[in-house]
């Protein structure tokens, strides 16, 4: 288990904010930061992207269903989302892929070669990995989003 350098964490945080803003998500406010011994997700919907290479572990977005529906709607050009079906899961997964892909590209500027796997979207509580994880809560105009960073760098 290693402590992640703040410059890597800030890179991921910056990418998270910029990507959400590109889709018109506003009022993104960091509320709470919690350190967990391992990555455990316990909100209604989570999307997880696995990093491999010089950076190993996972980055996950976790949120209540109401936030997930609003986020899927934005990703699907304003389509009304009343339930989390495969299309909504795909849209939210795509958002997490964009955040992870952009983060991986920026991390490569520090000499960290990494690749990301396609996102997994789950609708249950789950232990994802045993790496020390930072869970950062954000309030947005869509609702709460928890960004979990559990990486070994």
Protein backbone atom coordinates (compact mmCIF):
# COMPACT_ATOMS: atom_id res chain seq x y z
CA UNK A 1 0.00 0.00 0.00
CA UNK A 2 1.42 3.39 -0.95
CA UNK A 3 0.38 6.93 -0.30
CA UNK A 4 -0.60 8.65 -3.52
CA UNK A 5 1.29 11.83 -4.34
CA UNK A 6 -0.95 14.91 -4.13
CA UNK A 7 0.04 15.95 -7.67
CA UNK A 8 -1.51 12.74 -9.04
CA UNK A 9 -4.66 13.18 -6.97
CA UNK A 10 -4.97 16.81 -8.09
CA UNK A 11 -4.59 15.72 -11.72
CA UNK A 12 -7.56 13.35 -11.35
CA UNK A 13 -9.62 15.95 -9.44
CA UNK A 14 -8.96 18.55 -12.13
CA UNK A 15 -9.98 16.11 -14.87
CA UNK A 16 -13.15 15.19 -12.94
CA UNK A 17 -14.17 18.85 -12.67
CA UNK A 18 -13.33 19.79 -16.26
CA UNK A 19 -15.14 16.76 -17.70
CA UNK A 20 -18.32 17.39 -15.70
CA UNK A 21 -18.24 21.08 -16.64
CA UNK A 22 -17.96 20.14 -20.34
CA UNK A 23 -21.37 18.47 -19.98
CA UNK A 24 -22.88 21.49 -18.26
CA UNK A 25 -22.72 20.19 -14.70
CA UNK A 26 -22.41 23.26 -12.51
CA UNK A 27 -21.86 24.21 -8.88
CA UNK A 28 -19.32 21.43 -8.32
CA UNK A 29 -18.31 21.80 -4.68
CA UNK A 30 -15.95 19.52 -2.79
CA UNK A 31 -17.62 18.68 0.53
CA UNK A 32 -15.84 15.91 2.33
CA UNK A 33 -12.68 13.85 1.96
CA UNK A 34 -12.38 10.51 3.67
CA UNK A 35 -9.49 8.06 3.66
CA UNK A 36 -10.54 4.41 3.51
CA UNK A 37 -8.34 1.36 4.10
CA UNK A 38 -9.74 -0.17 0.89
CA UNK A 39 -12.11 0.83 -1.91
CA UNK A 40 -15.62 0.02 -0.76
CA UNK A 41 -18.54 1.51 -2.66
CA UNK A 42 -21.91 1.80 -0.95
CA UNK A 43 -24.04 4.24 -2.93
CA UNK A 44 -26.83 3.19 -5.34
CA UNK A 45 -24.80 3.20 -8.56
CA UNK A 46 -21.06 3.06 -9.12
CA UNK A 47 -18.95 3.02 -12.22
CA UNK A 48 -15.43 1.68 -11.87
CA UNK A 49 -12.45 2.02 -14.21
CA UNK A 50 -9.41 -0.17 -13.62
CA UNK A 51 -5.92 1.24 -14.27
CA UNK A 52 -3.02 -1.04 -15.22
CA UNK A 53 0.67 -0.41 -15.81
CA UNK A 54 2.72 2.13 -13.85
CA UNK A 55 -0.55 3.15 -12.20
CA UNK A 56 -2.58 0.26 -10.75
CA UNK A 57 -5.94 0.24 -9.07
CA UNK A 58 -9.31 1.83 -9.68
CA UNK A 59 -11.09 5.14 -9.97
CA UNK A 60 -14.82 5.03 -9.30
CA UNK A 61 -17.75 7.41 -9.42
CA UNK A 62 -20.48 6.49 -6.96
CA UNK A 63 -23.85 8.22 -6.58
CA UNK A 64 -27.50 7.99 -5.55
CA UNK A 65 -29.93 6.79 -8.27
CA UNK A 66 -31.48 10.24 -8.64
CA UNK A 67 -28.08 11.75 -9.46
CA UNK A 68 -27.34 8.85 -11.84
CA UNK A 69 -30.58 9.47 -13.76
CA UNK A 70 -29.84 13.18 -14.13
CA UNK A 71 -26.26 12.46 -15.20
CA UNK A 72 -27.38 9.87 -17.75
CA UNK A 73 -29.92 12.35 -19.12
CA UNK A 74 -27.19 14.96 -19.66
CA UNK A 75 -24.91 12.38 -21.31
CA UNK A 76 -27.81 11.37 -23.59
CA UNK A 77 -28.50 14.92 -24.83
CA UNK A 78 -31.37 15.61 -22.43
CA UNK A 79 -33.32 12.41 -22.98
CA UNK A 80 -35.68 11.72 -20.09
CA UNK A 81 -34.31 8.94 -17.87
CA UNK A 82 -36.78 7.28 -15.50
CA UNK A 83 -34.83 4.10 -14.75
CA UNK A 84 -31.26 2.89 -14.97
CA UNK A 85 -31.38 0.62 -18.01
CA UNK A 86 -28.44 -0.59 -20.12
CA UNK A 87 -28.39 2.64 -22.15
CA UNK A 88 -28.24 4.79 -19.00
CA UNK A 89 -25.48 2.56 -17.56
CA UNK A 90 -23.55 2.92 -20.80
CA UNK A 91 -23.85 6.71 -20.72
CA UNK A 92 -22.60 6.97 -17.13
CA UNK A 93 -19.86 4.45 -17.88
CA UNK A 94 -18.77 6.60 -20.81
CA UNK A 95 -18.43 9.62 -18.53
CA UNK A 96 -16.17 7.66 -16.16
CA UNK A 97 -14.14 6.44 -19.16
CA UNK A 98 -13.64 10.02 -20.29
CA UNK A 99 -12.46 11.07 -16.83
CA UNK A 100 -10.16 8.04 -16.51
CA UNK A 101 -8.79 8.36 -20.05
CA UNK A 102 -8.01 12.03 -19.63
CA UNK A 103 -6.45 11.32 -16.22
CA UNK A 104 -4.29 8.52 -17.70
CA UNK A 105 -3.12 10.88 -20.45
CA UNK A 106 -2.19 13.56 -17.91
CA UNK A 107 -0.47 11.01 -15.64
CA UNK A 108 1.69 9.99 -18.62
CA UNK A 109 3.14 13.52 -18.56
CA UNK A 110 4.67 12.50 -15.20
CA UNK A 111 6.26 9.48 -16.91
CA UNK A 112 3.57 7.06 -15.70
CA UNK A 113 2.56 4.80 -18.56
CA UNK A 114 -0.84 3.28 -17.89
CA UNK A 115 -3.82 1.81 -19.65
CA UNK A 116 -7.43 1.77 -18.59
CA UNK A 117 -10.02 -0.96 -18.95
CA UNK A 118 -13.63 -0.39 -20.01
CA UNK A 119 -15.85 0.76 -17.15
CA UNK A 120 -17.98 -1.55 -15.01
CA UNK A 121 -21.30 -0.19 -13.78
CA UNK A 122 -22.76 -1.78 -10.66
CA UNK A 123 -25.96 -1.26 -8.70
CA UNK A 124 -24.86 -2.77 -5.39
CA UNK A 125 -22.40 -2.29 -2.57
CA UNK A 126 -19.01 -3.77 -3.39
CA UNK A 127 -15.41 -4.01 -2.27
CA UNK A 128 -13.41 -3.14 -5.37
CA UNK A 129 -9.77 -3.33 -4.29
CA UNK A 130 -7.59 -3.37 -1.19
CA UNK A 131 -5.67 -0.16 -1.96
CA UNK A 132 -5.92 2.79 0.37
CA UNK A 133 -8.63 4.97 -1.15
CA UNK A 134 -9.53 8.62 -1.04
CA UNK A 135 -13.30 9.14 -1.20
CA UNK A 136 -14.11 12.72 -2.13
CA UNK A 137 -17.73 13.87 -1.95
CA UNK A 138 -18.94 16.54 -4.34
CA UNK A 139 -22.24 18.37 -4.37
CA UNK A 140 -23.31 19.38 -7.87
CA UNK A 141 -26.47 20.83 -9.35
CA UNK A 142 -27.37 17.20 -10.21
CA UNK A 143 -26.81 15.87 -6.69
CA UNK A 144 -24.04 14.07 -4.82
CA UNK A 145 -21.17 12.33 -6.63
CA UNK A 146 -18.47 10.49 -4.70
CA UNK A 147 -15.13 10.22 -6.49
CA UNK A 148 -13.07 7.28 -5.20
CA UNK A 149 -9.36 7.12 -6.02
CA UNK A 150 -7.75 3.82 -5.03
CA UNK A 151 -4.49 3.67 -6.93
CA UNK A 152 -1.02 2.32 -6.28
CA UNK A 153 1.41 4.70 -7.96
